C-alpha atoms as a PDB file:
ATOM      1  CA  UNK A   1     350.180 109.919 246.552  1.00  0.00           C
ATOM      2  CA  UNK A   2     352.082 111.986 249.131  1.00  0.00           C
ATOM      3  CA  UNK A   3     351.679 115.757 249.141  1.00  0.00           C
ATOM      4  CA  UNK A   4     354.125 117.732 247.015  1.00  0.00           C
ATOM      5  CA  UNK A   5     356.579 120.110 248.605  1.00  0.00           C
ATOM      6  CA  UNK A   6     357.947 123.342 247.163  1.00  0.00           C
ATOM      7  CA  UNK A   7     360.518 122.457 244.513  1.00  0.00           C
ATOM      8  CA  UNK A   8     359.166 118.938 243.848  1.00  0.00           C
ATOM      9  CA  UNK A   9     358.586 118.118 240.182  1.00  0.00           C
ATOM     10  CA  UNK A  10     354.919 117.893 239.258  1.00  0.00           C
ATOM     11  CA  UNK A  11     353.552 114.438 238.521  1.00  0.00           C
ATOM     12  CA  UNK A  12     352.211 113.747 235.038  1.00  0.00           C
ATOM     13  CA  UNK A  13     348.621 114.930 234.583  1.00  0.00           C
ATOM     14  CA  UNK A  14     346.051 115.482 231.858  1.00  0.00           C
ATOM     15  CA  UNK A  15     343.277 118.080 231.925  1.00  0.00           C
ATOM     16  CA  UNK A  16     340.405 118.844 229.563  1.00  0.00           C
ATOM     17  CA  UNK A  17     340.691 122.222 227.843  1.00  0.00           C
ATOM     18  CA  UNK A  18     338.650 124.409 225.545  1.00  0.00           C
ATOM     19  CA  UNK A  19     340.679 126.469 223.086  1.00  0.00           C
ATOM     20  CA  UNK A  20     338.917 128.527 220.425  1.00  0.00           C
ATOM     21  CA  UNK A  21     335.757 126.461 220.917  1.00  0.00           C
ATOM     22  CA  UNK A  22     337.646 123.196 220.306  1.00  0.00           C
ATOM     23  CA  UNK A  23     337.828 120.535 223.042  1.00  0.00           C
ATOM     24  CA  UNK A  24     341.391 119.392 223.670  1.00  0.00           C
ATOM     25  CA  UNK A  25     343.477 117.570 226.268  1.00  0.00           C
ATOM     26  CA  UNK A  26     346.274 119.408 228.058  1.00  0.00           C
ATOM     27  CA  UNK A  27     349.074 117.012 229.009  1.00  0.00           C
ATOM     28  CA  UNK A  28     352.025 118.085 231.120  1.00  0.00           C
ATOM     29  CA  UNK A  29     354.349 115.767 229.159  1.00  0.00           C
ATOM     30  CA  UNK A  30     353.726 117.846 226.023  1.00  0.00           C
ATOM     31  CA  UNK A  31     355.320 120.893 227.700  1.00  0.00           C
ATOM     32  CA  UNK A  32     357.792 119.454 230.225  1.00  0.00           C
ATOM     33  CA  UNK A  33     361.286 120.809 229.505  1.00  0.00           C
ATOM     34  CA  UNK A  34     360.015 123.054 226.690  1.00  0.00           C
ATOM     35  CA  UNK A  35     357.949 125.756 228.396  1.00  0.00           C
ATOM     36  CA  UNK A  36     357.113 126.966 231.884  1.00  0.00           C
ATOM     37  CA  UNK A  37     353.765 125.665 233.099  1.00  0.00           C
ATOM     38  CA  UNK A  38     351.678 127.351 235.795  1.00  0.00           C
ATOM     39  CA  UNK A  39     348.578 125.613 237.135  1.00  0.00           C
ATOM     40  CA  UNK A  40     346.210 127.873 239.050  1.00  0.00           C
ATOM     41  CA  UNK A  41     342.893 127.048 240.645  1.00  0.00           C
ATOM     42  CA  UNK A  42     340.307 129.729 241.314  1.00  0.00           C
ATOM     43  CA  UNK A  43     336.682 129.702 242.477  1.00  0.00           C
ATOM     44  CA  UNK A  44     334.008 130.086 239.861  1.00  0.00           C
ATOM     45  CA  UNK A  45     331.922 133.244 239.638  1.00  0.00           C
ATOM     46  CA  UNK A  46     328.881 131.619 241.229  1.00  0.00           C
ATOM     47  CA  UNK A  47     330.651 130.260 244.334  1.00  0.00           C
ATOM     48  CA  UNK A  48     330.311 132.132 247.645  1.00  0.00           C
ATOM     49  CA  UNK A  49     334.074 132.471 248.219  1.00  0.00           C
END
């Protein structure tokens, strides 16, 4: 898959999630066109970043 550029639509994706102690799947298609979605990646507390 080619790299995305600013303004490109995000491809469909699915991520595991934990909400209120319940395992769920987060799917972009469930929110596309209904809500704004922000995906952020950050280092974990135990990484030396």
